[in-house]
Amino acid sequence: MSMTANPPAVADESTFSVRRTIRIAAPIEKVWHAVTEPEHISRWFGITVLDGAGVGASGTMTFEGYGAVPIRVEAIDEPHSVSYRWGNDDAAGSLPERVVDDTSTVFTFTLAEVDDGTELTVVETGFENTSDPLSNVRDHRTGWTDELDKLVALLEGGA
């Protein structure tokens, strides 16, 4: 069985945002768990630890060789969308210990049921508030392409 082929993430340098829409041959409930539950997020993205659940829960997402990125749940509309704010400023040189609203970005996963599974869109905004907006937009465009490909492989691999 071959994996669903999806286009890469797109950076809009005029609005300092990154967007990617993919299709996953898996039911919306399965995709929802994969993007909202720390033990599932940790299997395809950063190792995620949150204190509690729901809006306002905060913690870290740790990437090997990069460090612990502070993260906070901003909004939830189950099973359609979830937003996270994180202090993942690749150009800053060091990671903050907690999310700083003025210098962080927000990424939102939006899920929709389609004939063959789930359509997932991620949009990350707020790069204009970071230390090097264009560099960060470009880095995150690459990141979302790589990370969401891992999510498709995980969910479609029957793991």
N, C-alpha and C. Protein backbone atom coordinates (compact mmCIF):
# COMPACT_ATOMS: atom_id res chain seq x y z
N MET A 1 0.84 -1.19 0.00
CA MET A 1 0.00 0.00 0.00
C MET A 1 0.88 1.25 0.00
N SER A 2 0.65 2.12 -0.96
CA SER A 2 1.48 3.33 -1.00
C SER A 2 0.80 4.44 -0.20
N MET A 3 1.62 5.30 0.35
CA MET A 3 1.10 6.40 1.15
C MET A 3 0.47 7.46 0.26
N THR A 4 -0.48 8.17 0.80
CA THR A 4 -1.08 9.29 0.09
C THR A 4 -0.01 10.32 -0.20
N ALA A 5 0.07 10.74 -1.47
CA ALA A 5 1.05 11.78 -1.85
C ALA A 5 0.41 13.14 -1.60
N ASN A 6 1.13 14.01 -0.90
CA ASN A 6 0.59 15.32 -0.56
C ASN A 6 1.57 16.41 -0.98
N PRO A 7 1.05 17.58 -1.39
CA PRO A 7 1.93 18.69 -1.73
C PRO A 7 2.64 19.22 -0.50
N PRO A 8 3.79 19.87 -0.69
CA PRO A 8 4.54 20.41 0.45
C PRO A 8 3.85 21.64 1.05
N ALA A 9 4.35 22.05 2.19
CA ALA A 9 3.85 23.27 2.83
C ALA A 9 4.21 24.47 1.98
N VAL A 10 3.41 25.54 2.12
CA VAL A 10 3.60 26.77 1.37
C VAL A 10 3.82 27.92 2.34
N ALA A 11 4.83 28.75 2.07
CA ALA A 11 5.07 29.92 2.91
C ALA A 11 4.54 31.15 2.19
N ASP A 12 3.80 31.98 2.92
CA ASP A 12 3.36 33.27 2.38
C ASP A 12 4.19 34.33 3.10
N GLU A 13 5.19 34.83 2.40
CA GLU A 13 6.12 35.77 3.04
C GLU A 13 5.51 37.15 3.22
N SER A 14 4.37 37.42 2.57
CA SER A 14 3.73 38.73 2.73
C SER A 14 2.92 38.77 4.02
N THR A 15 2.41 37.60 4.46
CA THR A 15 1.62 37.56 5.69
C THR A 15 2.36 36.81 6.80
N PHE A 16 3.61 36.41 6.53
CA PHE A 16 4.41 35.68 7.51
C PHE A 16 3.64 34.48 8.06
N SER A 17 3.15 33.65 7.14
CA SER A 17 2.43 32.46 7.56
C SER A 17 2.85 31.26 6.73
N VAL A 18 2.61 30.09 7.28
CA VAL A 18 2.89 28.83 6.60
C VAL A 18 1.60 28.02 6.62
N ARG A 19 1.29 27.37 5.49
CA ARG A 19 0.07 26.58 5.40
C ARG A 19 0.38 25.28 4.67
N ARG A 20 -0.27 24.22 5.12
CA ARG A 20 -0.19 22.96 4.38
C ARG A 20 -1.51 22.21 4.55
N THR A 21 -2.04 21.72 3.45
CA THR A 21 -3.24 20.89 3.48
C THR A 21 -2.88 19.52 2.93
N ILE A 22 -3.21 18.49 3.70
CA ILE A 22 -2.90 17.12 3.29
C ILE A 22 -4.14 16.25 3.43
N ARG A 23 -4.11 15.11 2.77
CA ARG A 23 -5.15 14.10 2.93
C ARG A 23 -4.52 12.90 3.62
N ILE A 24 -5.28 12.31 4.52
CA ILE A 24 -4.81 11.13 5.26
C ILE A 24 -5.89 10.07 5.15
N ALA A 25 -5.51 8.87 4.75
CA ALA A 25 -6.48 7.77 4.63
C ALA A 25 -6.70 7.15 6.01
N ALA A 26 -7.36 7.94 6.87
CA ALA A 26 -7.68 7.51 8.24
C ALA A 26 -8.89 8.31 8.69
N PRO A 27 -9.71 7.73 9.59
CA PRO A 27 -10.89 8.45 10.06
C PRO A 27 -10.53 9.68 10.89
N ILE A 28 -11.43 10.65 10.91
CA ILE A 28 -11.17 11.92 11.59
C ILE A 28 -10.85 11.71 13.07
N GLU A 29 -11.49 10.74 13.73
CA GLU A 29 -11.23 10.51 15.16
C GLU A 29 -9.77 10.12 15.38
N LYS A 30 -9.24 9.30 14.49
CA LYS A 30 -7.85 8.83 14.62
C LYS A 30 -6.87 9.99 14.41
N VAL A 31 -7.19 10.84 13.44
CA VAL A 31 -6.33 12.00 13.18
C VAL A 31 -6.42 12.99 14.35
N TRP A 32 -7.63 13.16 14.89
CA TRP A 32 -7.81 14.06 16.04
C TRP A 32 -6.93 13.63 17.21
N HIS A 33 -6.96 12.33 17.53
CA HIS A 33 -6.11 11.84 18.63
C HIS A 33 -4.64 12.13 18.34
N ALA A 34 -4.24 11.97 17.09
CA ALA A 34 -2.83 12.12 16.71
C ALA A 34 -2.34 13.55 16.85
N VAL A 35 -3.26 14.54 16.77
CA VAL A 35 -2.83 15.94 16.85
C VAL A 35 -3.20 16.61 18.17
N THR A 36 -3.84 15.85 19.09
CA THR A 36 -4.25 16.47 20.36
C THR A 36 -3.75 15.74 21.59
N GLU A 37 -3.39 14.49 21.50
CA GLU A 37 -3.00 13.74 22.69
C GLU A 37 -1.49 13.60 22.74
N PRO A 38 -0.88 14.07 23.85
CA PRO A 38 0.58 14.10 23.92
C PRO A 38 1.26 12.78 23.55
N GLU A 39 0.69 11.65 24.00
CA GLU A 39 1.36 10.38 23.70
C GLU A 39 1.32 10.07 22.21
N HIS A 40 0.31 10.57 21.52
CA HIS A 40 0.22 10.37 20.06
C HIS A 40 1.07 11.40 19.32
N ILE A 41 1.02 12.66 19.75
CA ILE A 41 1.84 13.70 19.12
C ILE A 41 3.32 13.30 19.18
N SER A 42 3.69 12.72 20.30
CA SER A 42 5.10 12.35 20.52
C SER A 42 5.59 11.29 19.54
N ARG A 43 4.68 10.57 18.91
CA ARG A 43 5.08 9.49 17.99
C ARG A 43 5.46 10.01 16.62
N TRP A 44 5.04 11.25 16.26
CA TRP A 44 5.35 11.75 14.92
C TRP A 44 5.97 13.14 14.93
N PHE A 45 5.89 13.85 16.06
CA PHE A 45 6.34 15.23 16.12
C PHE A 45 7.37 15.32 17.23
N GLY A 46 7.32 16.36 18.06
CA GLY A 46 8.23 16.42 19.19
C GLY A 46 7.67 15.64 20.36
N ILE A 47 8.56 15.24 21.28
CA ILE A 47 8.13 14.53 22.48
C ILE A 47 7.36 15.54 23.35
N THR A 48 6.05 15.32 23.47
CA THR A 48 5.17 16.32 24.05
C THR A 48 4.72 15.96 25.46
N VAL A 49 4.84 16.94 26.35
CA VAL A 49 4.38 16.79 27.73
C VAL A 49 3.54 18.02 28.06
N LEU A 50 2.31 17.79 28.49
CA LEU A 50 1.42 18.89 28.88
C LEU A 50 0.94 18.68 30.31
N ASP A 51 0.80 19.79 31.05
CA ASP A 51 0.23 19.71 32.40
C ASP A 51 -1.28 19.87 32.27
N GLY A 52 -1.96 18.75 32.29
CA GLY A 52 -3.41 18.80 32.16
C GLY A 52 -3.85 18.70 30.72
N ALA A 53 -5.14 18.95 30.49
CA ALA A 53 -5.71 18.86 29.15
C ALA A 53 -6.59 20.07 28.92
N GLY A 54 -6.89 20.33 27.66
CA GLY A 54 -7.79 21.42 27.35
C GLY A 54 -7.08 22.75 27.19
N VAL A 55 -7.88 23.79 26.91
CA VAL A 55 -7.34 25.12 26.68
C VAL A 55 -6.57 25.59 27.92
N GLY A 56 -5.38 26.12 27.69
CA GLY A 56 -4.56 26.62 28.79
C GLY A 56 -3.53 25.62 29.26
N ALA A 57 -3.69 24.35 28.89
CA ALA A 57 -2.67 23.35 29.25
C ALA A 57 -1.35 23.77 28.62
N SER A 58 -0.27 23.66 29.37
CA SER A 58 1.02 24.07 28.82
C SER A 58 2.07 23.03 29.17
N GLY A 59 3.19 23.12 28.48
CA GLY A 59 4.26 22.17 28.69
C GLY A 59 5.35 22.37 27.66
N THR A 60 5.92 21.26 27.21
CA THR A 60 7.02 21.35 26.27
C THR A 60 6.88 20.32 25.16
N MET A 61 7.52 20.64 24.04
CA MET A 61 7.66 19.73 22.93
C MET A 61 9.15 19.66 22.64
N THR A 62 9.75 18.50 22.86
CA THR A 62 11.21 18.38 22.78
C THR A 62 11.62 17.69 21.49
N PHE A 63 12.56 18.31 20.80
CA PHE A 63 13.09 17.78 19.55
C PHE A 63 14.56 17.42 19.75
N GLU A 64 14.93 16.23 19.34
CA GLU A 64 16.30 15.76 19.50
C GLU A 64 17.26 16.72 18.79
N GLY A 65 18.30 17.12 19.51
CA GLY A 65 19.31 17.99 18.93
C GLY A 65 18.88 19.44 18.84
N TYR A 66 17.69 19.75 19.35
CA TYR A 66 17.17 21.12 19.25
C TYR A 66 16.82 21.67 20.63
N GLY A 67 16.10 20.87 21.41
CA GLY A 67 15.77 21.31 22.75
C GLY A 67 14.28 21.27 23.02
N ALA A 68 13.90 21.78 24.20
CA ALA A 68 12.51 21.76 24.66
C ALA A 68 11.85 23.08 24.31
N VAL A 69 10.83 23.01 23.46
CA VAL A 69 10.09 24.19 23.02
C VAL A 69 8.86 24.35 23.92
N PRO A 70 8.67 25.53 24.54
CA PRO A 70 7.47 25.71 25.35
C PRO A 70 6.23 25.79 24.46
N ILE A 71 5.15 25.21 24.93
CA ILE A 71 3.93 25.13 24.13
C ILE A 71 2.71 25.28 25.03
N ARG A 72 1.62 25.84 24.46
CA ARG A 72 0.39 26.02 25.23
C ARG A 72 -0.80 25.80 24.30
N VAL A 73 -1.82 25.13 24.81
CA VAL A 73 -3.04 24.92 24.03
C VAL A 73 -3.86 26.21 24.08
N GLU A 74 -4.19 26.75 22.90
CA GLU A 74 -4.89 28.03 22.81
C GLU A 74 -6.39 27.89 22.58
N ALA A 75 -6.80 26.89 21.81
CA ALA A 75 -8.21 26.74 21.46
C ALA A 75 -8.47 25.31 21.02
N ILE A 76 -9.68 24.83 21.31
CA ILE A 76 -10.07 23.47 20.89
C ILE A 76 -11.53 23.51 20.44
N ASP A 77 -11.78 22.90 19.29
CA ASP A 77 -13.15 22.68 18.82
C ASP A 77 -13.19 21.24 18.30
N GLU A 78 -13.37 20.30 19.22
CA GLU A 78 -13.28 18.88 18.89
C GLU A 78 -14.43 18.44 17.99
N PRO A 79 -14.18 17.65 16.94
CA PRO A 79 -12.88 17.19 16.45
C PRO A 79 -12.43 17.99 15.22
N HIS A 80 -12.73 19.29 15.21
CA HIS A 80 -12.51 20.07 13.99
C HIS A 80 -11.25 20.92 13.99
N SER A 81 -10.88 21.46 15.15
CA SER A 81 -9.67 22.29 15.15
C SER A 81 -9.05 22.37 16.54
N VAL A 82 -7.72 22.54 16.52
CA VAL A 82 -6.97 22.75 17.75
C VAL A 82 -5.83 23.70 17.43
N SER A 83 -5.62 24.66 18.33
CA SER A 83 -4.56 25.65 18.15
C SER A 83 -3.57 25.57 19.29
N TYR A 84 -2.30 25.68 18.92
CA TYR A 84 -1.21 25.69 19.90
C TYR A 84 -0.37 26.94 19.69
N ARG A 85 0.11 27.52 20.79
CA ARG A 85 1.09 28.60 20.71
C ARG A 85 2.41 28.04 21.22
N TRP A 86 3.48 28.32 20.48
CA TRP A 86 4.78 27.80 20.93
C TRP A 86 5.88 28.83 20.73
N GLY A 87 6.91 28.71 21.54
CA GLY A 87 8.06 29.61 21.48
C GLY A 87 9.17 29.01 20.66
N ASN A 88 8.83 28.63 19.44
CA ASN A 88 9.80 27.94 18.59
C ASN A 88 10.37 28.91 17.57
N ASP A 89 11.22 29.81 18.06
CA ASP A 89 11.85 30.82 17.21
C ASP A 89 13.22 30.29 16.79
N ASP A 90 13.28 29.64 15.64
CA ASP A 90 14.51 28.98 15.22
C ASP A 90 15.71 29.92 15.14
N ALA A 91 15.44 31.19 14.84
CA ALA A 91 16.54 32.12 14.63
C ALA A 91 17.02 32.80 15.92
N ALA A 92 16.30 32.60 17.02
CA ALA A 92 16.60 33.36 18.24
C ALA A 92 17.87 32.91 18.96
N GLY A 93 18.28 31.67 18.72
CA GLY A 93 19.51 31.18 19.34
C GLY A 93 19.30 30.48 20.67
N SER A 94 18.20 30.77 21.35
CA SER A 94 17.90 30.05 22.58
C SER A 94 16.39 29.97 22.73
N LEU A 95 15.94 28.94 23.41
CA LEU A 95 14.50 28.72 23.59
C LEU A 95 14.05 29.27 24.93
N PRO A 96 12.91 29.96 24.98
CA PRO A 96 12.40 30.46 26.26
C PRO A 96 11.91 29.31 27.12
N GLU A 97 11.83 29.54 28.42
CA GLU A 97 11.36 28.48 29.32
C GLU A 97 9.85 28.33 29.27
N ARG A 98 9.14 29.42 28.94
CA ARG A 98 7.69 29.34 28.80
C ARG A 98 7.27 30.19 27.60
N VAL A 99 6.05 30.01 27.17
CA VAL A 99 5.55 30.73 26.00
C VAL A 99 5.45 32.22 26.32
N VAL A 100 6.06 33.03 25.48
CA VAL A 100 5.96 34.49 25.58
C VAL A 100 5.06 34.93 24.43
N ASP A 101 3.88 35.47 24.78
CA ASP A 101 2.89 35.79 23.74
C ASP A 101 3.44 36.71 22.66
N ASP A 102 4.26 37.68 23.05
CA ASP A 102 4.72 38.70 22.10
C ASP A 102 5.68 38.17 21.04
N THR A 103 6.33 37.04 21.31
CA THR A 103 7.37 36.57 20.37
C THR A 103 7.12 35.15 19.88
N SER A 104 5.92 34.63 20.13
CA SER A 104 5.64 33.25 19.76
C SER A 104 4.76 33.18 18.52
N THR A 105 4.63 31.98 17.97
CA THR A 105 3.74 31.77 16.83
C THR A 105 2.64 30.81 17.24
N VAL A 106 1.56 30.80 16.46
CA VAL A 106 0.42 29.93 16.71
C VAL A 106 0.24 29.02 15.51
N PHE A 107 0.06 27.74 15.77
CA PHE A 107 -0.29 26.84 14.67
C PHE A 107 -1.61 26.16 14.99
N THR A 108 -2.44 26.05 13.96
CA THR A 108 -3.78 25.48 14.09
C THR A 108 -3.94 24.32 13.13
N PHE A 109 -4.39 23.20 13.66
CA PHE A 109 -4.76 22.06 12.83
C PHE A 109 -6.28 22.11 12.64
N THR A 110 -6.72 22.06 11.38
CA THR A 110 -8.15 21.99 11.07
C THR A 110 -8.41 20.68 10.35
N LEU A 111 -9.41 19.93 10.83
CA LEU A 111 -9.71 18.60 10.29
C LEU A 111 -11.08 18.62 9.62
N ALA A 112 -11.19 17.93 8.51
CA ALA A 112 -12.47 17.79 7.82
C ALA A 112 -12.59 16.38 7.26
N GLU A 113 -13.78 15.81 7.39
CA GLU A 113 -14.01 14.48 6.82
C GLU A 113 -14.13 14.60 5.30
N VAL A 114 -13.45 13.71 4.60
CA VAL A 114 -13.55 13.63 3.14
C VAL A 114 -13.82 12.17 2.78
N ASP A 115 -14.10 11.92 1.50
CA ASP A 115 -14.50 10.57 1.08
C ASP A 115 -13.55 9.48 1.53
N ASP A 116 -12.25 9.72 1.36
CA ASP A 116 -11.28 8.65 1.62
C ASP A 116 -10.55 8.83 2.93
N GLY A 117 -11.12 9.62 3.86
CA GLY A 117 -10.43 9.79 5.14
C GLY A 117 -10.60 11.17 5.71
N THR A 118 -9.48 11.85 5.94
CA THR A 118 -9.49 13.14 6.60
C THR A 118 -8.60 14.12 5.86
N GLU A 119 -9.10 15.35 5.71
CA GLU A 119 -8.26 16.43 5.20
C GLU A 119 -7.79 17.21 6.41
N LEU A 120 -6.48 17.40 6.49
CA LEU A 120 -5.88 18.13 7.61
C LEU A 120 -5.16 19.34 7.06
N THR A 121 -5.48 20.51 7.61
CA THR A 121 -4.77 21.73 7.24
C THR A 121 -4.07 22.27 8.47
N VAL A 122 -2.81 22.65 8.31
CA VAL A 122 -2.11 23.36 9.37
C VAL A 122 -1.82 24.76 8.86
N VAL A 123 -2.04 25.75 9.71
CA VAL A 123 -1.66 27.13 9.42
C VAL A 123 -0.90 27.64 10.62
N GLU A 124 0.30 28.17 10.37
CA GLU A 124 1.09 28.77 11.45
C GLU A 124 1.27 30.25 11.14
N THR A 125 0.97 31.09 12.13
CA THR A 125 1.03 32.54 11.94
C THR A 125 1.81 33.19 13.08
N GLY A 126 2.17 34.45 12.88
CA GLY A 126 2.83 35.22 13.93
C GLY A 126 4.33 35.36 13.75
N PHE A 127 4.84 34.92 12.60
CA PHE A 127 6.29 34.98 12.39
C PHE A 127 6.84 36.41 12.38
N GLU A 128 5.95 37.39 12.10
CA GLU A 128 6.40 38.78 12.10
C GLU A 128 6.88 39.20 13.49
N ASN A 129 6.48 38.45 14.53
CA ASN A 129 6.88 38.77 15.91
C ASN A 129 8.18 38.10 16.32
N THR A 130 8.76 37.30 15.43
CA THR A 130 9.96 36.54 15.80
C THR A 130 11.22 37.29 15.40
N SER A 131 12.36 36.74 15.82
CA SER A 131 13.63 37.44 15.65
C SER A 131 14.05 37.60 14.19
N ASP A 132 13.66 36.65 13.34
CA ASP A 132 14.01 36.71 11.92
C ASP A 132 12.85 36.12 11.12
N PRO A 133 11.83 36.95 10.87
CA PRO A 133 10.58 36.44 10.29
C PRO A 133 10.75 35.60 9.03
N LEU A 134 11.50 36.09 8.05
CA LEU A 134 11.60 35.34 6.79
C LEU A 134 12.33 34.03 6.96
N SER A 135 13.39 34.04 7.73
CA SER A 135 14.14 32.80 7.98
C SER A 135 13.26 31.78 8.69
N ASN A 136 12.49 32.25 9.68
CA ASN A 136 11.63 31.34 10.43
C ASN A 136 10.50 30.80 9.57
N VAL A 137 9.89 31.64 8.72
CA VAL A 137 8.84 31.17 7.82
C VAL A 137 9.38 30.06 6.93
N ARG A 138 10.58 30.26 6.39
CA ARG A 138 11.16 29.26 5.48
C ARG A 138 11.51 27.97 6.22
N ASP A 139 12.06 28.11 7.43
CA ASP A 139 12.40 26.91 8.22
C ASP A 139 11.14 26.12 8.57
N HIS A 140 10.08 26.81 8.94
CA HIS A 140 8.86 26.12 9.35
C HIS A 140 8.11 25.52 8.15
N ARG A 141 8.26 26.15 6.98
CA ARG A 141 7.69 25.55 5.77
C ARG A 141 8.30 24.16 5.57
N THR A 142 9.61 24.09 5.66
CA THR A 142 10.30 22.80 5.54
C THR A 142 9.88 21.86 6.65
N GLY A 143 9.78 22.38 7.86
CA GLY A 143 9.42 21.57 9.02
C GLY A 143 8.05 20.93 8.88
N TRP A 144 7.06 21.73 8.46
CA TRP A 144 5.71 21.19 8.35
C TRP A 144 5.62 20.16 7.24
N THR A 145 6.40 20.33 6.19
CA THR A 145 6.42 19.31 5.14
C THR A 145 6.95 18.00 5.71
N ASP A 146 8.07 18.07 6.42
CA ASP A 146 8.70 16.86 6.97
C ASP A 146 7.84 16.21 8.05
N GLU A 147 7.36 17.02 9.00
CA GLU A 147 6.65 16.45 10.15
C GLU A 147 5.30 15.84 9.75
N LEU A 148 4.56 16.53 8.90
CA LEU A 148 3.25 15.98 8.52
C LEU A 148 3.38 14.75 7.63
N ASP A 149 4.48 14.65 6.89
CA ASP A 149 4.73 13.40 6.15
C ASP A 149 4.88 12.23 7.13
N LYS A 150 5.50 12.50 8.29
CA LYS A 150 5.64 11.46 9.32
C LYS A 150 4.28 11.06 9.88
N LEU A 151 3.39 12.06 10.03
CA LEU A 151 2.04 11.78 10.53
C LEU A 151 1.29 10.88 9.56
N VAL A 152 1.37 11.19 8.26
CA VAL A 152 0.70 10.36 7.24
C VAL A 152 1.25 8.94 7.30
N ALA A 153 2.56 8.81 7.39
CA ALA A 153 3.18 7.47 7.43
C ALA A 153 2.71 6.70 8.65
N LEU A 154 2.62 7.37 9.79
CA LEU A 154 2.17 6.72 11.02
C LEU A 154 0.72 6.25 10.90
N LEU A 155 -0.15 7.14 10.47
CA LEU A 155 -1.59 6.81 10.45
C LEU A 155 -1.95 5.85 9.33
N GLU A 156 -1.25 5.94 8.21
CA GLU A 156 -1.57 5.06 7.09
C GLU A 156 -0.80 3.74 7.16
N GLY A 157 0.20 3.70 8.05
CA GLY A 157 0.99 2.48 8.18
C GLY A 157 0.32 1.46 9.10
N GLY A 158 -0.82 1.85 9.65
CA GLY A 158 -1.55 0.95 10.54
C GLY A 158 -0.93 0.80 11.90
N ALA A 159 0.03 1.71 12.21
CA ALA A 159 0.73 1.61 13.48
C ALA A 159 -0.16 2.04 14.64
